[in-house]
Amino acid sequence: MARVDEWIDEGTAKCRAALVDLDAPSALPGWKRRHVAAHLSLNAEALGNLVHWARTGEERPMYPSPEARNADIESGALRPEDELRSWYDESAAGLADAMSALSADQWQSTVRTAQGAPIPATRIPWMRSREVLIHAVDLSTGLTFADLPADFLEALCEDIRTTRPDVPPAEGPLPELAAYLAGRPYTNVTTSGHPATPLPPWL
């Protein structure tokens, strides 16, 4: 898990550095950077709910409902810029502290994703790493998938392929493949020798 922790640290730092001019558009349709900041903060708190579940056995879902999650992002995005940055910092630190306190047995507890899928708590760090690293690119400050760790991109491609089994085999440079599979802008990716057709956003 040590490498995943490093990915979380790197992604957290990259996102934090990108939290400038929060009224600028992000790469996600309809979202400004302030929406991404609110989403990342809420995600840290939501994953903290799963850590609490793993630690205590008390069931605590990530979000009350998809509708509540979306409404909280919209309302959270209205916070002043300094408050949004502080919320991001505090939520990220709170999640890191909570994860560091789990015992080996607690890490083996079963919790559920926002979609209701049962997973071992050991998946929580991976879930956070992909949030902060992918959204670091989505914050649209010039970062691309080529700026992310290669071993993370390999793990990401493998993860997405397990959840998108209908996606045809694709070929291209690793960063572009990861962007393609994640439903982000890409170049030089082919399927069956032809330019790949864009996929809907994943995550």
C-alpha atoms as a PDB file:
ATOM      1  CA  MET A   1       0.000   0.000   0.000  1.00  0.00           C
ATOM      2  CA  ALA A   2       3.033   2.238   0.354  1.00  0.00           C
ATOM      3  CA  ARG A   3       3.076   3.096  -3.341  1.00  0.00           C
ATOM      4  CA  VAL A   4      -0.618   3.983  -3.305  1.00  0.00           C
ATOM      5  CA  ASP A   5       0.054   6.308  -0.373  1.00  0.00           C
ATOM      6  CA  GLU A   6       2.685   8.030  -2.493  1.00  0.00           C
ATOM      7  CA  TRP A   7       0.160   8.436  -5.307  1.00  0.00           C
ATOM      8  CA  ILE A   8      -2.293  10.016  -2.866  1.00  0.00           C
ATOM      9  CA  ASP A   9       0.366  12.436  -1.634  1.00  0.00           C
ATOM     10  CA  GLU A  10       1.397  13.359  -5.173  1.00  0.00           C
ATOM     11  CA  GLY A  11      -2.180  13.809  -6.380  1.00  0.00           C
ATOM     12  CA  THR A  12      -3.149  15.798  -3.296  1.00  0.00           C
ATOM     13  CA  ALA A  13      -0.229  18.159  -3.869  1.00  0.00           C
ATOM     14  CA  LYS A  14      -0.925  18.504  -7.598  1.00  0.00           C
ATOM     15  CA  CYS A  15      -4.585  19.342  -6.960  1.00  0.00           C
ATOM     16  CA  ARG A  16      -3.686  21.805  -4.219  1.00  0.00           C
ATOM     17  CA  ALA A  17      -1.288  23.612  -6.550  1.00  0.00           C
ATOM     18  CA  ALA A  18      -4.068  23.808  -9.155  1.00  0.00           C
ATOM     19  CA  LEU A  19      -6.582  25.445  -6.813  1.00  0.00           C
ATOM     20  CA  VAL A  20      -5.954  28.895  -8.232  1.00  0.00           C
ATOM     21  CA  ASP A  21      -8.473  31.116  -9.969  1.00  0.00           C
ATOM     22  CA  LEU A  22     -11.293  28.838  -8.850  1.00  0.00           C
ATOM     23  CA  ASP A  23     -13.768  30.547 -11.161  1.00  0.00           C
ATOM     24  CA  ALA A  24     -11.849  29.331 -14.208  1.00  0.00           C
ATOM     25  CA  PRO A  25     -13.428  26.415 -16.092  1.00  0.00           C
ATOM     26  CA  SER A  26     -12.257  22.874 -15.434  1.00  0.00           C
ATOM     27  CA  ALA A  27     -12.066  20.191 -18.101  1.00  0.00           C
ATOM     28  CA  LEU A  28     -15.308  18.672 -16.778  1.00  0.00           C
ATOM     29  CA  PRO A  29     -18.476  19.898 -18.549  1.00  0.00           C
ATOM     30  CA  GLY A  30     -20.398  22.448 -16.515  1.00  0.00           C
ATOM     31  CA  TRP A  31     -17.866  22.522 -13.685  1.00  0.00           C
ATOM     32  CA  LYS A  32     -15.530  25.318 -12.694  1.00  0.00           C
ATOM     33  CA  ARG A  33     -12.424  24.547 -10.675  1.00  0.00           C
ATOM     34  CA  ARG A  34     -14.405  25.397  -7.550  1.00  0.00           C
ATOM     35  CA  HIS A  35     -16.742  22.466  -8.306  1.00  0.00           C
ATOM     36  CA  VAL A  36     -13.771  20.099  -8.557  1.00  0.00           C
ATOM     37  CA  ALA A  37     -12.411  21.460  -5.270  1.00  0.00           C
ATOM     38  CA  ALA A  38     -15.755  20.891  -3.557  1.00  0.00           C
ATOM     39  CA  HIS A  39     -16.029  17.407  -5.047  1.00  0.00           C
ATOM     40  CA  LEU A  40     -12.539  16.439  -3.857  1.00  0.00           C
ATOM     41  CA  SER A  41     -13.266  17.699  -0.352  1.00  0.00           C
ATOM     42  CA  LEU A  42     -16.562  15.836  -0.197  1.00  0.00           C
ATOM     43  CA  ASN A  43     -14.879  12.721  -1.578  1.00  0.00           C
ATOM     44  CA  ALA A  44     -12.295  12.807   1.218  1.00  0.00           C
ATOM     45  CA  GLU A  45     -15.096  13.067   3.769  1.00  0.00           C
ATOM     46  CA  ALA A  46     -17.045  10.283   2.021  1.00  0.00           C
ATOM     47  CA  LEU A  47     -14.063   7.949   2.041  1.00  0.00           C
ATOM     48  CA  GLY A  48     -13.602   8.926   5.686  1.00  0.00           C
ATOM     49  CA  ASN A  49     -17.071   7.483   6.250  1.00  0.00           C
ATOM     50  CA  LEU A  50     -15.837   4.166   4.877  1.00  0.00           C
ATOM     51  CA  VAL A  51     -12.765   4.306   7.104  1.00  0.00           C
ATOM     52  CA  HIS A  52     -15.063   4.872  10.096  1.00  0.00           C
ATOM     53  CA  TRP A  53     -17.126   1.872   8.974  1.00  0.00           C
ATOM     54  CA  ALA A  54     -14.004  -0.281   8.747  1.00  0.00           C
ATOM     55  CA  ARG A  55     -12.737   0.883  12.135  1.00  0.00           C
ATOM     56  CA  THR A  56     -15.953   0.601  14.147  1.00  0.00           C
ATOM     57  CA  GLY A  57     -18.217  -1.779  12.238  1.00  0.00           C
ATOM     58  CA  GLU A  58     -20.861   0.959  12.186  1.00  0.00           C
ATOM     59  CA  GLU A  59     -22.253   1.165   8.673  1.00  0.00           C
ATOM     60  CA  ARG A  60     -21.666   4.636   7.277  1.00  0.00           C
ATOM     61  CA  PRO A  61     -22.264   5.056   3.515  1.00  0.00           C
ATOM     62  CA  MET A  62     -20.168   7.430   1.462  1.00  0.00           C
ATOM     63  CA  TYR A  63     -23.124   9.675   0.587  1.00  0.00           C
ATOM     64  CA  PRO A  64     -26.784   9.768   1.684  1.00  0.00           C
ATOM     65  CA  SER A  65     -27.804   9.512  -1.995  1.00  0.00           C
ATOM     66  CA  PRO A  66     -26.519  10.489  -5.449  1.00  0.00           C
ATOM     67  CA  GLU A  67     -28.856  13.488  -5.357  1.00  0.00           C
ATOM     68  CA  ALA A  68     -27.501  14.642  -1.986  1.00  0.00           C
ATOM     69  CA  ARG A  69     -23.933  14.229  -3.267  1.00  0.00           C
ATOM     70  CA  ASN A  70     -24.631  16.397  -6.319  1.00  0.00           C
ATOM     71  CA  ALA A  71     -26.454  19.018  -4.257  1.00  0.00           C
ATOM     72  CA  ASP A  72     -23.571  19.164  -1.769  1.00  0.00           C
ATOM     73  CA  ILE A  73     -21.084  19.717  -4.589  1.00  0.00           C
ATOM     74  CA  GLU A  74     -23.160  22.581  -5.980  1.00  0.00           C
ATOM     75  CA  SER A  75     -23.589  24.239  -2.588  1.00  0.00           C
ATOM     76  CA  GLY A  76     -19.978  23.596  -1.591  1.00  0.00           C
ATOM     77  CA  ALA A  77     -18.748  25.209  -4.799  1.00  0.00           C
ATOM     78  CA  LEU A  78     -20.350  28.476  -3.679  1.00  0.00           C
ATOM     79  CA  ARG A  79     -17.949  28.834  -0.742  1.00  0.00           C
ATOM     80  CA  PRO A  80     -15.356  31.651  -0.864  1.00  0.00           C
ATOM     81  CA  GLU A  81     -12.045  30.662  -2.466  1.00  0.00           C
ATOM     82  CA  ASP A  82     -10.040  30.689   0.774  1.00  0.00           C
ATOM     83  CA  GLU A  83     -12.687  28.595   2.476  1.00  0.00           C
ATOM     84  CA  LEU A  84     -12.685  26.082  -0.372  1.00  0.00           C
ATOM     85  CA  ARG A  85      -8.905  25.702  -0.150  1.00  0.00           C
ATOM     86  CA  SER A  86      -9.046  25.276   3.631  1.00  0.00           C
ATOM     87  CA  TRP A  87     -11.806  22.693   3.286  1.00  0.00           C
ATOM     88  CA  TYR A  88      -9.706  20.800   0.738  1.00  0.00           C
ATOM     89  CA  ASP A  89      -6.655  20.840   3.033  1.00  0.00           C
ATOM     90  CA  GLU A  90      -8.560  19.825   6.149  1.00  0.00           C
ATOM     91  CA  SER A  91     -10.548  17.039   4.482  1.00  0.00           C
ATOM     92  CA  ALA A  92      -7.447  15.557   2.843  1.00  0.00           C
ATOM     93  CA  ALA A  93      -5.515  15.653   6.129  1.00  0.00           C
ATOM     94  CA  GLY A  94      -8.460  14.177   8.022  1.00  0.00           C
ATOM     95  CA  LEU A  95      -8.716  11.239   5.629  1.00  0.00           C
ATOM     96  CA  ALA A  96      -4.966  10.607   5.787  1.00  0.00           C
ATOM     97  CA  ASP A  97      -5.034  10.605   9.591  1.00  0.00           C
ATOM     98  CA  ALA A  98      -8.033   8.279   9.700  1.00  0.00           C
ATOM     99  CA  MET A  99      -6.459   5.793   7.286  1.00  0.00           C
ATOM    100  CA  SER A 100      -3.182   5.784   9.199  1.00  0.00           C
ATOM    101  CA  ALA A 101      -5.041   4.723  12.355  1.00  0.00           C
ATOM    102  CA  LEU A 102      -6.599   1.543  10.889  1.00  0.00           C
ATOM    103  CA  SER A 103      -5.247  -1.779  12.151  1.00  0.00           C
ATOM    104  CA  ALA A 104      -4.339  -4.664   9.847  1.00  0.00           C
ATOM    105  CA  ASP A 105      -7.590  -6.439  10.755  1.00  0.00           C
ATOM    106  CA  GLN A 106      -9.688  -3.318  10.184  1.00  0.00           C
ATOM    107  CA  TRP A 107      -8.221  -2.922   6.704  1.00  0.00           C
ATOM    108  CA  GLN A 108      -9.786  -6.295   5.863  1.00  0.00           C
ATOM    109  CA  SER A 109     -13.303  -5.105   6.741  1.00  0.00           C
ATOM    110  CA  THR A 110     -15.930  -5.061   4.007  1.00  0.00           C
ATOM    111  CA  VAL A 111     -17.488  -1.696   3.125  1.00  0.00           C
ATOM    112  CA  ARG A 112     -19.496  -0.516   0.130  1.00  0.00           C
ATOM    113  CA  THR A 113     -18.799   1.979  -2.627  1.00  0.00           C
ATOM    114  CA  ALA A 114     -21.205   4.780  -3.506  1.00  0.00           C
ATOM    115  CA  GLN A 115     -22.654   2.394  -6.108  1.00  0.00           C
ATOM    116  CA  GLY A 116     -23.306  -0.222  -3.414  1.00  0.00           C
ATOM    117  CA  ALA A 117     -20.568  -2.649  -4.422  1.00  0.00           C
ATOM    118  CA  PRO A 118     -18.940  -4.512  -1.514  1.00  0.00           C
ATOM    119  CA  ILE A 119     -15.170  -3.979  -1.341  1.00  0.00           C
ATOM    120  CA  PRO A 120     -12.417  -4.582   1.205  1.00  0.00           C
ATOM    121  CA  ALA A 121     -11.305  -1.447   3.037  1.00  0.00           C
ATOM    122  CA  THR A 122      -7.888  -1.937   1.451  1.00  0.00           C
ATOM    123  CA  ARG A 123      -9.407  -0.443  -1.714  1.00  0.00           C
ATOM    124  CA  ILE A 124     -10.042   2.931  -0.062  1.00  0.00           C
ATOM    125  CA  PRO A 125      -6.521   4.337  -0.656  1.00  0.00           C
ATOM    126  CA  TRP A 126      -6.676   3.339  -4.327  1.00  0.00           C
ATOM    127  CA  MET A 127     -10.054   5.067  -4.639  1.00  0.00           C
ATOM    128  CA  ARG A 128      -8.563   8.275  -3.259  1.00  0.00           C
ATOM    129  CA  SER A 129      -5.428   8.086  -5.398  1.00  0.00           C
ATOM    130  CA  ARG A 130      -7.391   7.907  -8.625  1.00  0.00           C
ATOM    131  CA  GLU A 131      -9.627  10.810  -7.532  1.00  0.00           C
ATOM    132  CA  VAL A 132      -6.774  13.194  -6.817  1.00  0.00           C
ATOM    133  CA  LEU A 133      -4.556  12.213  -9.750  1.00  0.00           C
ATOM    134  CA  ILE A 134      -7.265  12.186 -12.438  1.00  0.00           C
ATOM    135  CA  HIS A 135      -8.856  15.383 -11.147  1.00  0.00           C
ATOM    136  CA  ALA A 136      -5.452  17.051 -11.011  1.00  0.00           C
ATOM    137  CA  VAL A 137      -5.611  16.852 -14.806  1.00  0.00           C
ATOM    138  CA  ASP A 138      -9.299  17.858 -14.856  1.00  0.00           C
ATOM    139  CA  LEU A 139      -8.435  21.089 -13.037  1.00  0.00           C
ATOM    140  CA  SER A 140      -7.085  22.252 -16.377  1.00  0.00           C
ATOM    141  CA  THR A 141      -3.890  24.044 -15.401  1.00  0.00           C
ATOM    142  CA  GLY A 142      -1.784  22.358 -18.090  1.00  0.00           C
ATOM    143  CA  LEU A 143      -1.192  19.015 -16.382  1.00  0.00           C
ATOM    144  CA  THR A 144      -1.754  15.952 -18.596  1.00  0.00           C
ATOM    145  CA  PHE A 145      -1.892  12.209 -18.041  1.00  0.00           C
ATOM    146  CA  ALA A 146       1.756  12.124 -19.177  1.00  0.00           C
ATOM    147  CA  ASP A 147       2.595  13.997 -15.948  1.00  0.00           C
ATOM    148  CA  LEU A 148       1.167  11.196 -13.780  1.00  0.00           C
ATOM    149  CA  PRO A 149       3.206   8.210 -12.501  1.00  0.00           C
ATOM    150  CA  ALA A 150       3.506   5.426 -15.083  1.00  0.00           C
ATOM    151  CA  ASP A 151       2.744   2.678 -12.561  1.00  0.00           C
ATOM    152  CA  PHE A 152      -0.406   4.546 -11.529  1.00  0.00           C
ATOM    153  CA  LEU A 153      -1.480   4.781 -15.172  1.00  0.00           C
ATOM    154  CA  GLU A 154      -0.940   1.024 -15.600  1.00  0.00           C
ATOM    155  CA  ALA A 155      -3.032   0.294 -12.501  1.00  0.00           C
ATOM    156  CA  LEU A 156      -5.688   2.740 -13.688  1.00  0.00           C
ATOM    157  CA  CYS A 157      -5.970   1.088 -17.113  1.00  0.00           C
ATOM    158  CA  GLU A 158      -6.314  -2.315 -15.489  1.00  0.00           C
ATOM    159  CA  ASP A 159      -8.957  -1.030 -13.075  1.00  0.00           C
ATOM    160  CA  ILE A 160     -11.019   0.636 -15.790  1.00  0.00           C
ATOM    161  CA  ARG A 161     -10.885  -2.401 -18.067  1.00  0.00           C
ATOM    162  CA  THR A 162     -12.399  -4.546 -15.301  1.00  0.00           C
ATOM    163  CA  THR A 163     -15.345  -2.140 -15.026  1.00  0.00           C
ATOM    164  CA  ARG A 164     -15.643  -1.496 -18.769  1.00  0.00           C
ATOM    165  CA  PRO A 165     -15.358  -5.009 -20.249  1.00  0.00           C
ATOM    166  CA  ASP A 166     -17.224  -3.869 -23.383  1.00  0.00           C
ATOM    167  CA  VAL A 167     -14.404  -1.503 -24.361  1.00  0.00           C
ATOM    168  CA  PRO A 168     -12.459  -2.974 -27.302  1.00  0.00           C
ATOM    169  CA  PRO A 169      -8.710  -3.572 -26.997  1.00  0.00           C
ATOM    170  CA  ALA A 170      -6.936  -0.304 -27.687  1.00  0.00           C
ATOM    171  CA  GLU A 171      -3.387   0.601 -28.599  1.00  0.00           C
ATOM    172  CA  GLY A 172      -1.414   3.778 -28.019  1.00  0.00           C
ATOM    173  CA  PRO A 173       1.032   5.462 -25.630  1.00  0.00           C
ATOM    174  CA  LEU A 174       0.253   4.607 -21.996  1.00  0.00           C
ATOM    175  CA  PRO A 175      -0.784   8.163 -20.946  1.00  0.00           C
ATOM    176  CA  GLU A 176      -3.098   8.447 -23.962  1.00  0.00           C
ATOM    177  CA  LEU A 177      -4.574   5.001 -23.325  1.00  0.00           C
ATOM    178  CA  ALA A 178      -5.310   5.970 -19.729  1.00  0.00           C
ATOM    179  CA  ALA A 179      -6.920   9.222 -20.860  1.00  0.00           C
ATOM    180  CA  TYR A 180      -8.993   7.363 -23.475  1.00  0.00           C
ATOM    181  CA  LEU A 181     -10.214   4.729 -21.009  1.00  0.00           C
ATOM    182  CA  ALA A 182     -11.025   7.420 -18.427  1.00  0.00           C
ATOM    183  CA  GLY A 183     -13.141   9.279 -20.965  1.00  0.00           C
ATOM    184  CA  ARG A 184     -10.778  12.243 -21.166  1.00  0.00           C
ATOM    185  CA  PRO A 185      -9.255  13.929 -24.263  1.00  0.00           C
ATOM    186  CA  TYR A 186      -6.596  11.771 -25.935  1.00  0.00           C
ATOM    187  CA  THR A 187      -4.606  11.390 -29.152  1.00  0.00           C
ATOM    188  CA  ASN A 188      -3.015   8.505 -31.048  1.00  0.00           C
ATOM    189  CA  VAL A 189      -5.223   5.722 -29.681  1.00  0.00           C
ATOM    190  CA  THR A 190      -6.540   3.081 -32.058  1.00  0.00           C
ATOM    191  CA  THR A 191      -8.922   0.138 -31.820  1.00  0.00           C
ATOM    192  CA  SER A 192      -8.657  -2.561 -34.507  1.00  0.00           C
ATOM    193  CA  GLY A 193      -6.363  -0.258 -36.454  1.00  0.00           C
ATOM    194  CA  HIS A 194      -8.853   2.610 -36.542  1.00  0.00           C
ATOM    195  CA  PRO A 195      -9.004   5.822 -34.477  1.00  0.00           C
ATOM    196  CA  ALA A 196     -10.672   5.040 -31.167  1.00  0.00           C
ATOM    197  CA  THR A 197     -14.172   6.370 -30.538  1.00  0.00           C
ATOM    198  CA  PRO A 198     -14.342   8.572 -27.398  1.00  0.00           C
ATOM    199  CA  LEU A 199     -15.783   6.963 -24.273  1.00  0.00           C
ATOM    200  CA  PRO A 200     -18.042   8.627 -21.695  1.00  0.00           C
ATOM    201  CA  PRO A 201     -16.279   9.918 -18.566  1.00  0.00           C
ATOM    202  CA  TRP A 202     -15.236   7.347 -15.994  1.00  0.00           C
ATOM    203  CA  LEU A 203     -15.033   8.763 -12.452  1.00  0.00           C
END
